[in-house]
């Protein structure tokens, strides 16, 4: 059962969403809030799987509330449900940790679709949104958290090279390579050498 908390300052819209899930076996509305402060209070008490929240709300806005919720409960999925379709609003909610963004003028059935996608680990954005700026961000070069040497070693790891082979290629000691491996594992927040190889391959460090 997916438990949902809704935050929206218009009670009529909350009532509409509740009706949508009234006869659903897999979903349950377990909390409702008309402001961001109440939303955080309910989430802390119930810890649902999904939070469906507006952006503009009394006391604490949806962006701030999402940041607080994701910091305390990173596994809770947040979906934005709003009338704002501006780039800035979308970006702020994404940065705050929202996994989905749907507009209020969409059909309520879209809410189900968004929840289903987000619960499966995907993101969901309303089809009416202009997300070209996200594609531009993806294409733009990003500053790596790894040093130049670490990036070069990661590239060799992606090619399947062992620490001994990397040491020979880079004219350094095996212990130096192992130190770089440990530092990369720490910086990237992953576990073990096998995960480091997987990361290198997934991030196209095998060229």
N, C-alpha and C. Protein backbone atom coordinates (compact mmCIF):
# COMPACT_ATOMS: atom_id res chain seq x y z
N UNK A 1 0.84 -1.20 0.00
CA UNK A 1 0.00 0.00 0.00
C UNK A 1 0.88 1.25 0.00
N UNK A 2 0.69 2.10 -1.00
CA UNK A 2 1.42 3.37 -1.08
C UNK A 2 0.64 4.43 -0.33
N UNK A 3 1.25 4.96 0.71
CA UNK A 3 0.59 5.98 1.53
C UNK A 3 0.98 7.37 1.03
N UNK A 4 -0.03 8.21 0.88
CA UNK A 4 0.16 9.53 0.27
C UNK A 4 -0.28 10.63 1.22
N UNK A 5 0.53 11.67 1.29
CA UNK A 5 0.16 12.90 2.02
C UNK A 5 0.05 14.03 1.01
N UNK A 6 -1.03 14.78 1.09
CA UNK A 6 -1.28 15.87 0.15
C UNK A 6 -1.16 17.22 0.87
N UNK A 7 -0.46 18.16 0.25
CA UNK A 7 -0.35 19.52 0.78
C UNK A 7 -0.83 20.50 -0.29
N UNK A 8 -1.89 21.22 0.02
CA UNK A 8 -2.52 22.12 -0.94
C UNK A 8 -3.40 23.09 -0.17
N UNK A 9 -3.31 24.39 -0.47
CA UNK A 9 -4.08 25.36 0.31
C UNK A 9 -5.53 25.51 -0.16
N UNK A 10 -5.89 24.82 -1.24
CA UNK A 10 -7.29 24.81 -1.67
C UNK A 10 -7.90 23.45 -1.31
N UNK A 11 -8.75 23.45 -0.33
CA UNK A 11 -9.33 22.21 0.17
C UNK A 11 -10.12 21.47 -0.91
N UNK A 12 -10.74 22.21 -1.82
CA UNK A 12 -11.53 21.57 -2.87
C UNK A 12 -10.68 20.68 -3.76
N UNK A 13 -9.43 21.10 -4.01
CA UNK A 13 -8.54 20.30 -4.84
C UNK A 13 -8.09 19.05 -4.08
N UNK A 14 -7.84 19.21 -2.80
CA UNK A 14 -7.51 18.05 -1.97
C UNK A 14 -8.65 17.04 -2.01
N UNK A 15 -9.87 17.55 -1.88
CA UNK A 15 -11.05 16.67 -1.92
C UNK A 15 -11.13 15.92 -3.24
N UNK A 16 -10.80 16.61 -4.33
CA UNK A 16 -10.83 15.98 -5.65
C UNK A 16 -9.82 14.86 -5.77
N UNK A 17 -8.61 15.08 -5.27
CA UNK A 17 -7.58 14.05 -5.32
C UNK A 17 -7.97 12.87 -4.43
N UNK A 18 -8.56 13.16 -3.29
CA UNK A 18 -9.01 12.10 -2.39
C UNK A 18 -10.05 11.22 -3.06
N UNK A 19 -10.96 11.83 -3.80
CA UNK A 19 -11.98 11.08 -4.53
C UNK A 19 -11.33 10.16 -5.57
N UNK A 20 -10.26 10.66 -6.17
CA UNK A 20 -9.57 9.89 -7.19
C UNK A 20 -9.06 8.56 -6.64
N UNK A 21 -8.62 8.58 -5.40
CA UNK A 21 -8.03 7.39 -4.79
C UNK A 21 -8.97 6.65 -3.84
N UNK A 22 -10.22 7.08 -3.80
CA UNK A 22 -11.17 6.53 -2.83
C UNK A 22 -11.34 5.02 -2.95
N UNK A 23 -11.36 4.52 -4.16
CA UNK A 23 -11.60 3.09 -4.36
C UNK A 23 -10.35 2.35 -4.85
N UNK A 24 -9.20 2.97 -4.67
CA UNK A 24 -7.95 2.35 -5.07
C UNK A 24 -7.42 1.43 -3.97
N UNK A 25 -7.07 0.21 -4.33
CA UNK A 25 -6.56 -0.73 -3.33
C UNK A 25 -5.09 -0.51 -3.03
N UNK A 26 -4.35 0.03 -4.01
CA UNK A 26 -2.90 0.16 -3.84
C UNK A 26 -2.44 1.51 -3.31
N UNK A 27 -3.38 2.45 -3.19
CA UNK A 27 -3.04 3.78 -2.73
C UNK A 27 -3.95 4.20 -1.58
N UNK A 28 -3.41 4.97 -0.66
CA UNK A 28 -4.21 5.45 0.46
C UNK A 28 -3.78 6.87 0.85
N UNK A 29 -4.75 7.79 0.93
CA UNK A 29 -4.45 9.14 1.40
C UNK A 29 -4.44 9.10 2.92
N UNK A 30 -3.27 9.31 3.51
CA UNK A 30 -3.13 9.17 4.96
C UNK A 30 -2.95 10.50 5.68
N UNK A 31 -2.85 11.59 4.92
CA UNK A 31 -2.67 12.90 5.55
C UNK A 31 -2.94 14.03 4.59
N UNK A 32 -3.48 15.13 5.11
CA UNK A 32 -3.78 16.31 4.31
C UNK A 32 -3.34 17.56 5.06
N UNK A 33 -2.76 18.51 4.33
CA UNK A 33 -2.29 19.76 4.95
C UNK A 33 -2.61 20.93 4.05
N UNK A 34 -2.93 22.05 4.67
CA UNK A 34 -3.23 23.27 3.91
C UNK A 34 -2.10 24.28 3.96
N UNK A 35 -0.99 23.91 4.61
CA UNK A 35 0.19 24.77 4.63
C UNK A 35 1.44 23.91 4.82
N UNK A 36 2.60 24.49 4.50
CA UNK A 36 3.84 23.74 4.55
C UNK A 36 4.26 23.31 5.94
N UNK A 37 3.93 24.11 6.93
CA UNK A 37 4.28 23.77 8.31
C UNK A 37 3.54 22.51 8.75
N UNK A 38 2.25 22.45 8.43
CA UNK A 38 1.45 21.28 8.78
C UNK A 38 1.92 20.07 7.99
N UNK A 39 2.32 20.28 6.74
CA UNK A 39 2.82 19.18 5.91
C UNK A 39 4.02 18.51 6.58
N UNK A 40 4.98 19.30 7.00
CA UNK A 40 6.18 18.74 7.64
C UNK A 40 5.82 17.99 8.91
N UNK A 41 4.90 18.54 9.67
CA UNK A 41 4.45 17.90 10.91
C UNK A 41 3.83 16.54 10.63
N UNK A 42 2.97 16.47 9.61
CA UNK A 42 2.32 15.20 9.26
C UNK A 42 3.33 14.18 8.74
N UNK A 43 4.24 14.64 7.89
CA UNK A 43 5.25 13.74 7.33
C UNK A 43 6.13 13.16 8.43
N UNK A 44 6.53 13.98 9.37
CA UNK A 44 7.37 13.49 10.48
C UNK A 44 6.64 12.43 11.29
N UNK A 45 5.34 12.57 11.42
CA UNK A 45 4.55 11.63 12.22
C UNK A 45 4.23 10.35 11.46
N UNK A 46 3.85 10.47 10.19
CA UNK A 46 3.37 9.32 9.42
C UNK A 46 4.46 8.68 8.56
N UNK A 47 5.37 9.50 8.03
CA UNK A 47 6.43 9.05 7.13
C UNK A 47 5.85 8.23 5.96
N UNK A 48 5.08 8.89 5.09
CA UNK A 48 4.45 8.21 3.95
C UNK A 48 5.48 7.88 2.87
N UNK A 49 5.02 7.19 1.84
CA UNK A 49 5.89 6.91 0.70
C UNK A 49 5.91 8.08 -0.28
N UNK A 50 4.78 8.79 -0.39
CA UNK A 50 4.64 9.86 -1.37
C UNK A 50 4.11 11.14 -0.72
N UNK A 51 4.70 12.26 -1.11
CA UNK A 51 4.17 13.58 -0.74
C UNK A 51 3.79 14.30 -2.02
N UNK A 52 2.56 14.73 -2.10
CA UNK A 52 2.06 15.49 -3.24
C UNK A 52 1.85 16.92 -2.76
N UNK A 53 2.67 17.86 -3.25
CA UNK A 53 2.63 19.20 -2.68
C UNK A 53 2.59 20.32 -3.71
N UNK A 54 1.87 21.37 -3.34
CA UNK A 54 1.88 22.60 -4.12
C UNK A 54 3.16 23.36 -3.80
N UNK A 55 3.45 24.41 -4.56
CA UNK A 55 4.61 25.25 -4.28
C UNK A 55 4.23 26.41 -3.38
N UNK A 56 3.24 27.18 -3.80
CA UNK A 56 2.84 28.35 -3.02
C UNK A 56 1.84 27.92 -1.94
N UNK A 57 2.29 28.00 -0.69
CA UNK A 57 1.44 27.66 0.45
C UNK A 57 1.75 28.59 1.61
N UNK A 58 0.80 28.75 2.54
CA UNK A 58 1.05 29.60 3.72
C UNK A 58 2.14 29.01 4.62
N UNK A 59 2.72 29.88 5.42
CA UNK A 59 3.70 29.53 6.47
C UNK A 59 5.04 29.03 5.91
N UNK A 60 5.03 27.90 5.23
CA UNK A 60 6.25 27.38 4.59
C UNK A 60 5.89 26.96 3.18
N UNK A 61 6.62 27.46 2.19
CA UNK A 61 6.30 27.11 0.81
C UNK A 61 6.74 25.69 0.48
N UNK A 62 6.25 25.19 -0.65
CA UNK A 62 6.52 23.82 -1.03
C UNK A 62 7.98 23.51 -1.30
N UNK A 63 8.72 24.49 -1.79
CA UNK A 63 10.15 24.28 -2.07
C UNK A 63 10.92 24.06 -0.77
N UNK A 64 10.69 24.93 0.20
CA UNK A 64 11.35 24.79 1.49
C UNK A 64 10.92 23.53 2.20
N UNK A 65 9.62 23.23 2.15
CA UNK A 65 9.11 22.03 2.79
C UNK A 65 9.73 20.77 2.19
N UNK A 66 9.89 20.77 0.86
CA UNK A 66 10.50 19.62 0.19
C UNK A 66 11.95 19.43 0.63
N UNK A 67 12.69 20.52 0.74
CA UNK A 67 14.08 20.43 1.20
C UNK A 67 14.16 19.82 2.59
N UNK A 68 13.28 20.26 3.48
CA UNK A 68 13.27 19.77 4.85
C UNK A 68 12.91 18.28 4.88
N UNK A 69 11.89 17.92 4.12
CA UNK A 69 11.44 16.53 4.09
C UNK A 69 12.52 15.61 3.53
N UNK A 70 13.14 16.01 2.43
CA UNK A 70 14.15 15.16 1.80
C UNK A 70 15.41 15.05 2.65
N UNK A 71 15.70 16.08 3.43
CA UNK A 71 16.87 16.01 4.31
C UNK A 71 16.63 15.03 5.45
N UNK A 72 15.42 15.07 6.01
CA UNK A 72 15.09 14.19 7.14
C UNK A 72 14.73 12.78 6.69
N UNK A 73 14.03 12.69 5.55
CA UNK A 73 13.54 11.40 5.07
C UNK A 73 13.85 11.26 3.58
N UNK A 74 15.08 10.96 3.22
CA UNK A 74 15.48 10.92 1.81
C UNK A 74 14.74 9.89 0.97
N UNK A 75 14.15 8.88 1.61
CA UNK A 75 13.45 7.84 0.85
C UNK A 75 12.02 8.23 0.47
N UNK A 76 11.50 9.28 1.08
CA UNK A 76 10.16 9.74 0.74
C UNK A 76 10.20 10.45 -0.62
N UNK A 77 9.30 10.08 -1.51
CA UNK A 77 9.24 10.68 -2.83
C UNK A 77 8.30 11.89 -2.81
N UNK A 78 8.76 12.98 -3.40
CA UNK A 78 7.96 14.21 -3.45
C UNK A 78 7.58 14.51 -4.90
N UNK A 79 6.30 14.78 -5.11
CA UNK A 79 5.80 15.17 -6.43
C UNK A 79 5.18 16.56 -6.32
N UNK A 80 5.59 17.45 -7.17
CA UNK A 80 5.04 18.80 -7.21
C UNK A 80 3.70 18.79 -7.94
N UNK A 81 2.70 19.43 -7.36
CA UNK A 81 1.37 19.53 -7.97
C UNK A 81 0.97 21.00 -7.93
N UNK A 82 1.15 21.70 -9.05
CA UNK A 82 1.08 23.16 -9.01
C UNK A 82 0.55 23.74 -10.31
N UNK A 83 0.28 25.04 -10.30
CA UNK A 83 -0.11 25.75 -11.52
C UNK A 83 1.09 26.43 -12.17
N UNK A 84 2.23 26.46 -11.50
CA UNK A 84 3.41 27.15 -12.01
C UNK A 84 4.16 26.27 -13.01
N UNK A 85 4.34 26.79 -14.23
CA UNK A 85 5.08 26.03 -15.24
C UNK A 85 6.38 26.72 -15.64
N UNK A 86 6.80 27.73 -14.86
CA UNK A 86 8.01 28.46 -15.17
C UNK A 86 9.27 27.63 -14.90
N UNK A 87 10.28 27.88 -15.70
CA UNK A 87 11.55 27.17 -15.56
C UNK A 87 12.10 27.27 -14.14
N UNK A 88 12.07 28.47 -13.57
CA UNK A 88 12.64 28.68 -12.24
C UNK A 88 11.96 27.80 -11.19
N UNK A 89 10.63 27.71 -11.26
CA UNK A 89 9.90 26.91 -10.29
C UNK A 89 10.25 25.43 -10.43
N UNK A 90 10.30 24.97 -11.68
CA UNK A 90 10.64 23.56 -11.93
C UNK A 90 12.04 23.25 -11.40
N UNK A 91 13.00 24.12 -11.73
CA UNK A 91 14.38 23.89 -11.32
C UNK A 91 14.53 23.90 -9.80
N UNK A 92 13.83 24.82 -9.14
CA UNK A 92 13.92 24.91 -7.68
C UNK A 92 13.36 23.66 -7.02
N UNK A 93 12.27 23.12 -7.55
CA UNK A 93 11.71 21.91 -6.96
C UNK A 93 12.59 20.70 -7.23
N UNK A 94 13.18 20.64 -8.41
CA UNK A 94 14.12 19.55 -8.71
C UNK A 94 15.32 19.63 -7.77
N UNK A 95 15.85 20.83 -7.60
CA UNK A 95 16.99 21.02 -6.70
C UNK A 95 16.64 20.68 -5.26
N UNK A 96 15.38 20.91 -4.91
CA UNK A 96 14.94 20.61 -3.54
C UNK A 96 14.80 19.12 -3.31
N UNK A 97 14.67 18.36 -4.41
CA UNK A 97 14.59 16.90 -4.27
C UNK A 97 13.33 16.26 -4.81
N UNK A 98 12.48 17.03 -5.48
CA UNK A 98 11.24 16.48 -6.04
C UNK A 98 11.55 15.50 -7.18
N UNK A 99 10.79 14.42 -7.23
CA UNK A 99 10.98 13.41 -8.27
C UNK A 99 9.96 13.54 -9.40
N UNK A 100 8.95 14.38 -9.20
CA UNK A 100 7.92 14.55 -10.21
C UNK A 100 7.37 15.96 -10.19
N UNK A 101 6.77 16.37 -11.30
CA UNK A 101 6.23 17.73 -11.42
C UNK A 101 5.04 17.68 -12.35
N UNK A 102 3.85 17.90 -11.82
CA UNK A 102 2.64 17.88 -12.63
C UNK A 102 1.84 19.16 -12.41
N UNK A 103 1.10 19.55 -13.44
CA UNK A 103 0.32 20.78 -13.39
C UNK A 103 -1.12 20.48 -12.98
N UNK A 104 -1.72 21.45 -12.29
CA UNK A 104 -3.07 21.26 -11.79
C UNK A 104 -4.12 21.20 -12.89
N UNK A 105 -3.81 21.76 -14.06
CA UNK A 105 -4.80 21.72 -15.14
C UNK A 105 -4.73 20.42 -15.93
N UNK A 106 -3.89 19.50 -15.50
CA UNK A 106 -3.84 18.18 -16.12
C UNK A 106 -4.95 17.32 -15.52
N UNK A 107 -5.27 16.23 -16.20
CA UNK A 107 -6.27 15.32 -15.66
C UNK A 107 -5.78 14.67 -14.38
N UNK A 108 -6.69 14.42 -13.47
CA UNK A 108 -6.29 13.83 -12.19
C UNK A 108 -5.72 12.42 -12.38
N UNK A 109 -6.04 11.80 -13.51
CA UNK A 109 -5.45 10.48 -13.78
C UNK A 109 -3.94 10.57 -13.93
N UNK A 110 -3.46 11.77 -14.30
CA UNK A 110 -2.01 11.97 -14.42
C UNK A 110 -1.33 11.83 -13.06
N UNK A 111 -2.06 12.12 -12.01
CA UNK A 111 -1.51 11.99 -10.66
C UNK A 111 -1.15 10.52 -10.40
N UNK A 112 -2.04 9.63 -10.78
CA UNK A 112 -1.77 8.19 -10.60
C UNK A 112 -0.54 7.78 -11.39
N UNK A 113 -0.47 8.25 -12.62
CA UNK A 113 0.66 7.90 -13.47
C UNK A 113 1.97 8.41 -12.89
N UNK A 114 1.94 9.64 -12.37
CA UNK A 114 3.13 10.23 -11.76
C UNK A 114 3.57 9.43 -10.54
N UNK A 115 2.62 9.07 -9.69
CA UNK A 115 2.95 8.31 -8.48
C UNK A 115 3.53 6.95 -8.85
N UNK A 116 2.93 6.29 -9.83
CA UNK A 116 3.42 4.98 -10.27
C UNK A 116 4.85 5.06 -10.78
N UNK A 117 5.14 6.08 -11.60
CA UNK A 117 6.49 6.25 -12.14
C UNK A 117 7.51 6.53 -11.04
N UNK A 118 7.15 7.45 -10.16
CA UNK A 118 8.07 7.86 -9.10
C UNK A 118 8.33 6.72 -8.13
N UNK A 119 7.31 5.95 -7.82
CA UNK A 119 7.48 4.82 -6.90
C UNK A 119 8.38 3.74 -7.50
N UNK A 120 8.44 3.68 -8.82
CA UNK A 120 9.30 2.69 -9.47
C UNK A 120 10.73 3.19 -9.65
N UNK A 121 10.99 4.38 -9.11
CA UNK A 121 12.34 4.92 -9.16
C UNK A 121 12.61 5.87 -10.31
N UNK A 122 11.58 6.16 -11.11
CA UNK A 122 11.74 7.07 -12.24
C UNK A 122 11.32 8.49 -11.85
N UNK A 123 11.53 9.42 -12.77
CA UNK A 123 11.01 10.77 -12.59
C UNK A 123 9.82 10.95 -13.52
N UNK A 124 8.98 11.93 -13.19
CA UNK A 124 7.80 12.17 -14.03
C UNK A 124 7.59 13.67 -14.15
N UNK A 125 7.50 14.14 -15.40
CA UNK A 125 7.23 15.56 -15.65
C UNK A 125 6.02 15.69 -16.56
N UNK A 126 5.16 16.61 -16.23
CA UNK A 126 3.97 16.86 -17.02
C UNK A 126 4.33 17.09 -18.49
N UNK A 127 3.55 16.50 -19.37
CA UNK A 127 3.83 16.60 -20.80
C UNK A 127 3.76 18.03 -21.31
N UNK A 128 3.05 18.90 -20.59
CA UNK A 128 2.90 20.29 -21.02
C UNK A 128 4.09 21.17 -20.66
N UNK A 129 5.01 20.64 -19.87
CA UNK A 129 6.16 21.43 -19.42
C UNK A 129 7.22 21.54 -20.51
N UNK A 130 7.86 22.69 -20.58
CA UNK A 130 9.00 22.89 -21.46
C UNK A 130 10.27 22.58 -20.65
N UNK A 131 10.88 21.45 -20.94
CA UNK A 131 12.04 21.00 -20.16
C UNK A 131 13.34 21.10 -20.94
N UNK A 132 13.37 21.94 -21.96
CA UNK A 132 14.57 22.07 -22.78
C UNK A 132 15.77 22.53 -21.96
N UNK A 133 15.51 23.31 -20.92
CA UNK A 133 16.61 23.81 -20.10
C UNK A 133 17.30 22.68 -19.34
N UNK A 134 16.56 21.61 -19.05
CA UNK A 134 17.17 20.46 -18.38
C UNK A 134 18.11 19.73 -19.33
N UNK A 135 17.72 19.65 -20.60
CA UNK A 135 18.58 19.02 -21.59
C UNK A 135 19.86 19.82 -21.79
N UNK A 136 19.75 21.14 -21.73
CA UNK A 136 20.92 22.00 -21.85
C UNK A 136 21.86 21.79 -20.68
N UNK A 137 21.28 21.63 -19.46
CA UNK A 137 22.11 21.38 -18.28
C UNK A 137 22.84 20.07 -18.40
N UNK A 138 22.17 19.06 -19.01
CA UNK A 138 22.78 17.75 -19.16
C UNK A 138 23.95 17.79 -20.13
N UNK A 139 23.78 18.60 -21.20
CA UNK A 139 24.86 18.70 -22.19
C UNK A 139 26.03 19.55 -21.71
N UNK A 140 25.77 20.47 -20.79
CA UNK A 140 26.82 21.37 -20.33
C UNK A 140 27.87 20.61 -19.53
N UNK A 141 29.13 20.94 -19.73
CA UNK A 141 30.18 20.27 -18.96
C UNK A 141 30.08 20.60 -17.48
N UNK A 142 30.22 19.58 -16.66
CA UNK A 142 30.12 19.76 -15.22
C UNK A 142 31.49 19.59 -14.58
N UNK A 143 31.74 20.34 -13.55
CA UNK A 143 33.00 20.23 -12.82
C UNK A 143 33.01 18.92 -12.04
N UNK A 144 34.00 18.10 -12.30
CA UNK A 144 34.08 16.80 -11.65
C UNK A 144 34.56 16.95 -10.21
N UNK A 145 34.05 16.09 -9.33
CA UNK A 145 34.52 16.08 -7.94
C UNK A 145 35.84 15.31 -7.84
N UNK A 146 36.21 14.64 -8.92
CA UNK A 146 37.46 13.90 -8.94
C UNK A 146 38.59 14.75 -9.50
N UNK A 147 39.79 14.48 -9.04
CA UNK A 147 40.96 15.20 -9.55
C UNK A 147 41.29 14.68 -10.96
N UNK A 148 42.19 15.38 -11.63
CA UNK A 148 42.60 14.97 -12.97
C UNK A 148 43.19 13.56 -12.95
N UNK A 149 44.03 13.27 -11.97
CA UNK A 149 44.64 11.94 -11.87
C UNK A 149 43.58 10.87 -11.62
N UNK A 150 42.62 11.20 -10.75
CA UNK A 150 41.56 10.24 -10.44
C UNK A 150 40.70 9.96 -11.67
N UNK A 151 40.39 10.99 -12.45
CA UNK A 151 39.62 10.79 -13.67
C UNK A 151 40.37 9.91 -14.66
N UNK A 152 41.67 10.11 -14.76
CA UNK A 152 42.48 9.31 -15.68
C UNK A 152 42.53 7.85 -15.23
N UNK A 153 42.66 7.65 -13.91
CA UNK A 153 42.69 6.28 -13.38
C UNK A 153 41.32 5.63 -13.54
N UNK A 154 40.27 6.40 -13.33
CA UNK A 154 38.91 5.86 -13.49
C UNK A 154 38.67 5.43 -14.94
N UNK A 155 39.22 6.19 -15.88
CA UNK A 155 39.10 5.83 -17.29
C UNK A 155 39.78 4.48 -17.55
N UNK A 156 40.94 4.27 -16.95
CA UNK A 156 41.66 3.00 -17.12
C UNK A 156 40.92 1.86 -16.43
N UNK A 157 40.31 2.15 -15.29
CA UNK A 157 39.50 1.14 -14.60
C UNK A 157 38.34 0.73 -15.49
N UNK A 158 37.73 1.72 -16.17
CA UNK A 158 36.62 1.45 -17.08
C UNK A 158 37.04 0.58 -18.26
N UNK A 159 38.32 0.61 -18.58
CA UNK A 159 38.84 -0.22 -19.67
C UNK A 159 39.22 -1.62 -19.18
N UNK A 160 39.01 -1.85 -17.86
CA UNK A 160 39.28 -3.18 -17.31
C UNK A 160 40.70 -3.38 -16.84
N UNK A 161 41.47 -2.30 -16.70
CA UNK A 161 42.86 -2.41 -16.27
C UNK A 161 42.94 -2.71 -14.77
N UNK A 162 43.91 -3.54 -14.39
CA UNK A 162 44.16 -3.83 -12.99
C UNK A 162 45.01 -2.72 -12.38
N UNK A 163 45.13 -2.73 -11.06
CA UNK A 163 45.96 -1.72 -10.39
C UNK A 163 47.41 -1.81 -10.84
N UNK A 164 47.91 -3.03 -11.04
CA UNK A 164 49.28 -3.22 -11.51
C UNK A 164 49.47 -2.64 -12.90
N UNK A 165 48.48 -2.88 -13.78
CA UNK A 165 48.56 -2.36 -15.14
C UNK A 165 48.48 -0.84 -15.16
N UNK A 166 47.62 -0.30 -14.32
CA UNK A 166 47.48 1.15 -14.24
C UNK A 166 48.77 1.78 -13.73
N UNK A 167 49.39 1.13 -12.74
CA UNK A 167 50.65 1.63 -12.19
C UNK A 167 51.73 1.67 -13.27
N UNK A 168 51.77 0.63 -14.10
CA UNK A 168 52.76 0.58 -15.18
C UNK A 168 52.49 1.68 -16.21
N UNK A 169 51.23 1.88 -16.56
CA UNK A 169 50.86 2.89 -17.55
C UNK A 169 51.19 4.29 -17.07
N UNK A 170 50.98 4.52 -15.76
CA UNK A 170 51.15 5.87 -15.21
C UNK A 170 52.52 6.07 -14.55
N UNK A 171 53.35 5.03 -14.61
CA UNK A 171 54.69 5.12 -14.02
C UNK A 171 54.64 5.54 -12.55
N UNK A 172 53.76 4.85 -11.81
CA UNK A 172 53.66 5.11 -10.37
C UNK A 172 53.57 3.78 -9.65
N UNK A 173 53.53 3.82 -8.33
CA UNK A 173 53.45 2.59 -7.54
C UNK A 173 52.01 2.08 -7.47
N UNK A 174 51.89 0.79 -7.20
CA UNK A 174 50.56 0.18 -7.05
C UNK A 174 49.85 0.80 -5.85
N UNK A 175 50.60 1.10 -4.80
CA UNK A 175 49.99 1.69 -3.60
C UNK A 175 49.38 3.06 -3.91
N UNK A 176 50.01 3.80 -4.83
CA UNK A 176 49.46 5.10 -5.23
C UNK A 176 48.11 4.92 -5.94
N UNK A 177 48.06 3.92 -6.81
CA UNK A 177 46.80 3.62 -7.51
C UNK A 177 45.73 3.21 -6.52
N UNK A 178 46.10 2.38 -5.56
CA UNK A 178 45.13 1.92 -4.55
C UNK A 178 44.63 3.08 -3.70
N UNK A 179 45.52 4.02 -3.41
CA UNK A 179 45.10 5.21 -2.64
C UNK A 179 44.08 6.02 -3.44
N UNK A 180 44.36 6.17 -4.74
CA UNK A 180 43.41 6.89 -5.60
C UNK A 180 42.06 6.16 -5.64
N UNK A 181 42.10 4.85 -5.69
CA UNK A 181 40.86 4.06 -5.70
C UNK A 181 40.04 4.34 -4.43
N UNK A 182 40.70 4.31 -3.30
CA UNK A 182 40.01 4.55 -2.03
C UNK A 182 39.42 5.96 -1.98
N UNK A 183 40.18 6.92 -2.48
CA UNK A 183 39.69 8.30 -2.48
C UNK A 183 38.48 8.46 -3.39
N UNK A 184 38.51 7.79 -4.55
CA UNK A 184 37.36 7.87 -5.47
C UNK A 184 36.12 7.21 -4.87
N UNK A 185 36.31 6.08 -4.23
CA UNK A 185 35.19 5.39 -3.58
C UNK A 185 34.56 6.29 -2.52
N UNK A 186 35.40 6.98 -1.76
CA UNK A 186 34.90 7.88 -0.72
C UNK A 186 34.18 9.07 -1.33
N UNK A 187 34.77 9.70 -2.33
CA UNK A 187 34.18 10.89 -2.95
C UNK A 187 32.86 10.58 -3.65
N UNK A 188 32.80 9.43 -4.30
CA UNK A 188 31.61 9.07 -5.08
C UNK A 188 30.53 8.41 -4.23
N UNK A 189 30.87 8.07 -2.99
CA UNK A 189 29.89 7.47 -2.09
C UNK A 189 29.46 6.08 -2.51
N UNK A 190 30.39 5.29 -3.03
CA UNK A 190 30.06 3.94 -3.47
C UNK A 190 30.83 2.93 -2.61
N UNK A 191 30.54 1.65 -2.84
CA UNK A 191 31.13 0.61 -2.00
C UNK A 191 31.98 -0.34 -2.83
N UNK A 192 33.27 -0.43 -2.52
CA UNK A 192 34.12 -1.46 -3.10
C UNK A 192 34.59 -1.24 -4.53
N UNK A 193 35.58 -2.04 -4.91
CA UNK A 193 36.20 -1.93 -6.23
C UNK A 193 35.23 -2.31 -7.35
N UNK A 194 34.40 -3.32 -7.09
CA UNK A 194 33.44 -3.74 -8.11
C UNK A 194 32.48 -2.63 -8.47
N UNK A 195 32.02 -1.88 -7.46
CA UNK A 195 31.11 -0.77 -7.71
C UNK A 195 31.83 0.36 -8.44
N UNK A 196 33.12 0.51 -8.18
CA UNK A 196 33.90 1.55 -8.86
C UNK A 196 34.00 1.23 -10.35
N UNK A 197 34.21 -0.05 -10.68
CA UNK A 197 34.25 -0.46 -12.08
C UNK A 197 32.90 -0.23 -12.75
N UNK A 198 31.83 -0.59 -12.05
CA UNK A 198 30.49 -0.40 -12.61
C UNK A 198 30.22 1.08 -12.86
N UNK A 199 30.62 1.92 -11.90
CA UNK A 199 30.44 3.36 -12.06
C UNK A 199 31.20 3.87 -13.28
N UNK A 200 32.45 3.40 -13.43
CA UNK A 200 33.27 3.84 -14.55
C UNK A 200 32.63 3.47 -15.89
N UNK A 201 32.05 2.29 -15.97
CA UNK A 201 31.42 1.84 -17.21
C UNK A 201 30.14 2.62 -17.48
N UNK A 202 29.30 2.77 -16.42
CA UNK A 202 28.02 3.47 -16.58
C UNK A 202 28.22 4.93 -16.96
N UNK A 203 29.27 5.55 -16.44
CA UNK A 203 29.52 6.96 -16.73
C UNK A 203 30.40 7.17 -17.95
N UNK A 204 30.55 6.11 -18.74
CA UNK A 204 31.30 6.18 -20.01
C UNK A 204 32.76 6.54 -19.78
N UNK A 205 33.37 5.96 -18.73
CA UNK A 205 34.80 6.16 -18.50
C UNK A 205 35.61 5.03 -19.15
N UNK A 206 34.99 4.35 -20.13
CA UNK A 206 35.68 3.24 -20.74
C UNK A 206 36.23 3.57 -22.13
N UNK A 207 36.27 4.89 -22.45
CA UNK A 207 36.77 5.28 -23.77
C UNK A 207 38.29 5.26 -23.80
